[in-house]
Amino acid sequence: MWQIWLIIAGVCLIAEIFTVGFLIFWFAIGALIAMIASFFISNIIIQTAIFIIASTILIFTTKPFVNKITKKEDNVKTNVYSIIGKTGIVIEDIDSVHSKGQIKVAGETWSAISNSNTIIPKDSEVEILEIKGVKVLVSPIKIASKNTN
């Protein structure tokens, strides 16, 4: 009977290769424990019980450890969503009423609209709040003063 437990362990290990959950591995270990038990116990029901109990114990005792090792970090924002929360500089007055205005953030130029529907002058600092289509919604941080020379 030990050959069957060895085959079950092999099948479980091969199946684990194609999964990402690190769960089937413990069934393979449980099958190996049942294989060792089969050298001393000939009753298939007891061997199966050993397999189930060993696999269950391994799953529940190692789950916190596995979760700690495979802990997923917070999703890293990429592409367009990476600029949300960043600060930009107004390079063309932002006038939401006339749908005009541009900012520069992270070396890129974006069309912008104000969240308060006020005109934000050139060279002001703004915070990017969200992306609306192809425009960024901004909030003024530091309004640039205009020289009247």
C-alpha atoms as a PDB file:
ATOM      1  CA  MET A   1       0.000   0.000   0.000  1.00  0.00           C
ATOM      2  CA  TRP A   2       2.965   2.312   0.481  1.00  0.00           C
ATOM      3  CA  GLN A   3       3.313   2.703  -3.303  1.00  0.00           C
ATOM      4  CA  ILE A   4      -0.162   4.245  -3.533  1.00  0.00           C
ATOM      5  CA  TRP A   5       0.663   6.788  -0.813  1.00  0.00           C
ATOM      6  CA  LEU A   6       3.910   7.635  -2.640  1.00  0.00           C
ATOM      7  CA  ILE A   7       1.980   8.157  -5.889  1.00  0.00           C
ATOM      8  CA  ILE A   8      -0.567  10.357  -4.080  1.00  0.00           C
ATOM      9  CA  ALA A   9       2.283  12.420  -2.613  1.00  0.00           C
ATOM     10  CA  GLY A  10       3.864  12.793  -6.068  1.00  0.00           C
ATOM     11  CA  VAL A  11       0.579  13.836  -7.661  1.00  0.00           C
ATOM     12  CA  CYS A  12       0.036  16.402  -4.885  1.00  0.00           C
ATOM     13  CA  LEU A  13       3.535  17.831  -5.332  1.00  0.00           C
ATOM     14  CA  ILE A  14       3.039  18.107  -9.095  1.00  0.00           C
ATOM     15  CA  ALA A  15      -0.348  19.771  -8.547  1.00  0.00           C
ATOM     16  CA  GLU A  16       1.285  22.219  -6.109  1.00  0.00           C
ATOM     17  CA  ILE A  17       3.602  23.381  -8.873  1.00  0.00           C
ATOM     18  CA  PHE A  18       0.593  24.606 -10.853  1.00  0.00           C
ATOM     19  CA  THR A  19      -1.127  26.390  -7.942  1.00  0.00           C
ATOM     20  CA  VAL A  20      -0.211  29.490  -5.989  1.00  0.00           C
ATOM     21  CA  GLY A  21      -1.891  28.802  -2.656  1.00  0.00           C
ATOM     22  CA  PHE A  22       0.751  26.548  -1.000  1.00  0.00           C
ATOM     23  CA  LEU A  23      -2.014  24.236   0.232  1.00  0.00           C
ATOM     24  CA  ILE A  24      -1.683  20.992  -1.701  1.00  0.00           C
ATOM     25  CA  PHE A  25       1.897  20.633  -0.447  1.00  0.00           C
ATOM     26  CA  TRP A  26       0.586  19.674   2.991  1.00  0.00           C
ATOM     27  CA  PHE A  27      -1.519  16.896   1.482  1.00  0.00           C
ATOM     28  CA  ALA A  28       1.669  15.544  -0.088  1.00  0.00           C
ATOM     29  CA  ILE A  29       3.375  15.568   3.320  1.00  0.00           C
ATOM     30  CA  GLY A  30       0.292  13.914   4.840  1.00  0.00           C
ATOM     31  CA  ALA A  31       0.502  11.204   2.170  1.00  0.00           C
ATOM     32  CA  LEU A  32       4.163  10.632   3.010  1.00  0.00           C
ATOM     33  CA  ILE A  33       3.269  10.303   6.700  1.00  0.00           C
ATOM     34  CA  ALA A  34       0.535   7.813   5.763  1.00  0.00           C
ATOM     35  CA  MET A  35       3.099   5.968   3.639  1.00  0.00           C
ATOM     36  CA  ILE A  36       5.391   5.602   6.651  1.00  0.00           C
ATOM     37  CA  ALA A  37       2.414   4.434   8.741  1.00  0.00           C
ATOM     38  CA  SER A  38       1.606   1.831   6.064  1.00  0.00           C
ATOM     39  CA  PHE A  39       4.872   0.035   6.912  1.00  0.00           C
ATOM     40  CA  PHE A  40       3.528  -0.616  10.424  1.00  0.00           C
ATOM     41  CA  ILE A  41      -0.266  -0.615   9.959  1.00  0.00           C
ATOM     42  CA  SER A  42      -1.977  -2.621   7.236  1.00  0.00           C
ATOM     43  CA  ASN A  43      -5.506  -1.249   7.799  1.00  0.00           C
ATOM     44  CA  ILE A  44      -6.335   1.197   4.962  1.00  0.00           C
ATOM     45  CA  ILE A  45      -8.954   3.018   7.068  1.00  0.00           C
ATOM     46  CA  ILE A  46      -6.375   3.841   9.750  1.00  0.00           C
ATOM     47  CA  GLN A  47      -3.857   4.912   7.092  1.00  0.00           C
ATOM     48  CA  THR A  48      -6.474   7.185   5.512  1.00  0.00           C
ATOM     49  CA  ALA A  49      -7.335   8.629   8.912  1.00  0.00           C
ATOM     50  CA  ILE A  50      -3.628   9.315   9.537  1.00  0.00           C
ATOM     51  CA  PHE A  51      -3.416  11.025   6.131  1.00  0.00           C
ATOM     52  CA  ILE A  52      -6.444  13.242   6.843  1.00  0.00           C
ATOM     53  CA  ILE A  53      -5.425  14.094  10.410  1.00  0.00           C
ATOM     54  CA  ALA A  54      -1.791  14.800   9.497  1.00  0.00           C
ATOM     55  CA  SER A  55      -2.776  16.975   6.521  1.00  0.00           C
ATOM     56  CA  THR A  56      -5.312  18.921   8.584  1.00  0.00           C
ATOM     57  CA  ILE A  57      -2.874  19.518  11.426  1.00  0.00           C
ATOM     58  CA  LEU A  58      -0.161  20.644   9.003  1.00  0.00           C
ATOM     59  CA  ILE A  59      -2.508  23.031   7.218  1.00  0.00           C
ATOM     60  CA  PHE A  60      -3.790  24.704  10.377  1.00  0.00           C
ATOM     61  CA  THR A  61      -0.478  24.861  12.255  1.00  0.00           C
ATOM     62  CA  THR A  62       1.514  26.268   9.353  1.00  0.00           C
ATOM     63  CA  LYS A  63      -1.105  28.654   7.932  1.00  0.00           C
ATOM     64  CA  PRO A  64      -0.048  31.662  10.096  1.00  0.00           C
ATOM     65  CA  PHE A  65       3.596  31.032   9.216  1.00  0.00           C
ATOM     66  CA  VAL A  66       2.860  30.725   5.497  1.00  0.00           C
ATOM     67  CA  ASN A  67       0.701  33.870   5.576  1.00  0.00           C
ATOM     68  CA  LYS A  68       3.552  35.745   7.243  1.00  0.00           C
ATOM     69  CA  ILE A  69       6.046  34.647   4.594  1.00  0.00           C
ATOM     70  CA  THR A  70       3.758  35.148   1.613  1.00  0.00           C
ATOM     71  CA  LYS A  71       2.156  38.322   2.957  1.00  0.00           C
ATOM     72  CA  LYS A  72       1.088  40.511   0.100  1.00  0.00           C
ATOM     73  CA  GLU A  73       2.221  44.091   0.303  1.00  0.00           C
ATOM     74  CA  ASP A  74      -0.235  46.829  -0.492  1.00  0.00           C
ATOM     75  CA  ASN A  75      -0.810  47.149  -4.185  1.00  0.00           C
ATOM     76  CA  VAL A  76       1.656  49.497  -5.782  1.00  0.00           C
ATOM     77  CA  LYS A  77      -0.066  52.133  -7.829  1.00  0.00           C
ATOM     78  CA  THR A  78       1.250  52.246 -11.359  1.00  0.00           C
ATOM     79  CA  ASN A  79       0.714  54.111 -14.577  1.00  0.00           C
ATOM     80  CA  VAL A  80      -1.803  56.928 -14.376  1.00  0.00           C
ATOM     81  CA  TYR A  81      -2.899  56.153 -10.807  1.00  0.00           C
ATOM     82  CA  SER A  82       0.616  56.664  -9.479  1.00  0.00           C
ATOM     83  CA  ILE A  83       0.259  60.464  -9.709  1.00  0.00           C
ATOM     84  CA  ILE A  84      -2.790  60.703  -7.434  1.00  0.00           C
ATOM     85  CA  GLY A  85      -1.763  62.529  -4.262  1.00  0.00           C
ATOM     86  CA  LYS A  86       1.338  64.045  -5.830  1.00  0.00           C
ATOM     87  CA  THR A  87       2.071  67.733  -6.204  1.00  0.00           C
ATOM     88  CA  GLY A  88       2.250  69.429  -9.578  1.00  0.00           C
ATOM     89  CA  ILE A  89       2.994  72.893 -10.960  1.00  0.00           C
ATOM     90  CA  VAL A  90       0.485  74.779 -13.096  1.00  0.00           C
ATOM     91  CA  ILE A  91       2.037  75.575 -16.485  1.00  0.00           C
ATOM     92  CA  GLU A  92      -1.127  77.076 -18.013  1.00  0.00           C
ATOM     93  CA  ASP A  93      -3.833  78.835 -15.998  1.00  0.00           C
ATOM     94  CA  ILE A  94      -6.510  76.352 -14.937  1.00  0.00           C
ATOM     95  CA  ASP A  95      -9.991  77.573 -15.810  1.00  0.00           C
ATOM     96  CA  SER A  96     -12.536  74.800 -15.282  1.00  0.00           C
ATOM     97  CA  VAL A  97     -15.372  76.855 -16.761  1.00  0.00           C
ATOM     98  CA  HIS A  98     -13.618  77.061 -20.130  1.00  0.00           C
ATOM     99  CA  SER A  99     -11.995  73.637 -19.721  1.00  0.00           C
ATOM    100  CA  LYS A 100      -8.471  75.020 -20.006  1.00  0.00           C
ATOM    101  CA  GLY A 101      -5.354  74.438 -18.000  1.00  0.00           C
ATOM    102  CA  GLN A 102      -2.320  72.234 -17.725  1.00  0.00           C
ATOM    103  CA  ILE A 103      -0.019  71.040 -14.995  1.00  0.00           C
ATOM    104  CA  LYS A 104       3.343  69.342 -14.934  1.00  0.00           C
ATOM    105  CA  VAL A 105       3.822  66.425 -12.548  1.00  0.00           C
ATOM    106  CA  ALA A 106       6.605  63.830 -12.516  1.00  0.00           C
ATOM    107  CA  GLY A 107       7.926  65.214 -15.809  1.00  0.00           C
ATOM    108  CA  GLU A 108       4.603  64.755 -17.580  1.00  0.00           C
ATOM    109  CA  THR A 109       2.125  67.377 -18.773  1.00  0.00           C
ATOM    110  CA  TRP A 110      -1.532  66.826 -17.935  1.00  0.00           C
ATOM    111  CA  SER A 111      -4.693  68.718 -18.766  1.00  0.00           C
ATOM    112  CA  ALA A 112      -6.237  69.810 -15.493  1.00  0.00           C
ATOM    113  CA  ILE A 113      -9.472  71.033 -13.944  1.00  0.00           C
ATOM    114  CA  SER A 114      -9.953  72.579 -10.524  1.00  0.00           C
ATOM    115  CA  ASN A 115     -12.084  70.959  -7.849  1.00  0.00           C
ATOM    116  CA  SER A 116     -13.376  74.372  -6.729  1.00  0.00           C
ATOM    117  CA  ASN A 117     -14.171  75.801 -10.189  1.00  0.00           C
ATOM    118  CA  THR A 118     -11.839  78.727  -9.487  1.00  0.00           C
ATOM    119  CA  ILE A 119      -9.093  79.918 -11.761  1.00  0.00           C
ATOM    120  CA  ILE A 120      -5.682  78.717 -10.609  1.00  0.00           C
ATOM    121  CA  PRO A 121      -2.881  80.876 -12.036  1.00  0.00           C
ATOM    122  CA  LYS A 122       0.307  79.652 -13.710  1.00  0.00           C
ATOM    123  CA  ASP A 123       3.193  78.609 -11.389  1.00  0.00           C
ATOM    124  CA  SER A 124       0.812  77.647  -8.564  1.00  0.00           C
ATOM    125  CA  GLU A 125       1.278  74.381  -6.694  1.00  0.00           C
ATOM    126  CA  VAL A 126      -1.590  71.905  -6.861  1.00  0.00           C
ATOM    127  CA  GLU A 127      -2.344  68.474  -5.454  1.00  0.00           C
ATOM    128  CA  ILE A 128      -3.728  65.804  -7.767  1.00  0.00           C
ATOM    129  CA  LEU A 129      -6.977  64.450  -6.304  1.00  0.00           C
ATOM    130  CA  GLU A 130      -8.182  62.067  -8.990  1.00  0.00           C
ATOM    131  CA  ILE A 131      -8.199  61.228 -12.674  1.00  0.00           C
ATOM    132  CA  LYS A 132     -11.314  62.121 -14.658  1.00  0.00           C
ATOM    133  CA  GLY A 133     -10.998  60.716 -18.143  1.00  0.00           C
ATOM    134  CA  VAL A 134      -7.905  62.357 -19.640  1.00  0.00           C
ATOM    135  CA  LYS A 135      -7.793  65.214 -17.127  1.00  0.00           C
ATOM    136  CA  VAL A 136      -6.615  65.438 -13.567  1.00  0.00           C
ATOM    137  CA  LEU A 137      -8.764  66.992 -10.867  1.00  0.00           C
ATOM    138  CA  VAL A 138      -6.574  69.259  -8.751  1.00  0.00           C
ATOM    139  CA  SER A 139      -6.796  71.282  -5.588  1.00  0.00           C
ATOM    140  CA  PRO A 140      -4.646  74.401  -5.091  1.00  0.00           C
ATOM    141  CA  ILE A 141      -1.948  74.157  -2.426  1.00  0.00           C
ATOM    142  CA  LYS A 142      -0.005  77.362  -2.975  1.00  0.00           C
ATOM    143  CA  ILE A 143      -1.383  80.031  -5.286  1.00  0.00           C
ATOM    144  CA  ALA A 144       1.252  81.914  -7.262  1.00  0.00           C
ATOM    145  CA  SER A 145       1.047  85.686  -7.030  1.00  0.00           C
ATOM    146  CA  LYS A 146       0.862  87.608 -10.281  1.00  0.00           C
ATOM    147  CA  ASN A 147       3.239  90.492 -10.827  1.00  0.00           C
ATOM    148  CA  THR A 148       1.590  93.615 -12.188  1.00  0.00           C
ATOM    149  CA  ASN A 149       4.723  95.193 -13.756  1.00  0.00           C
END
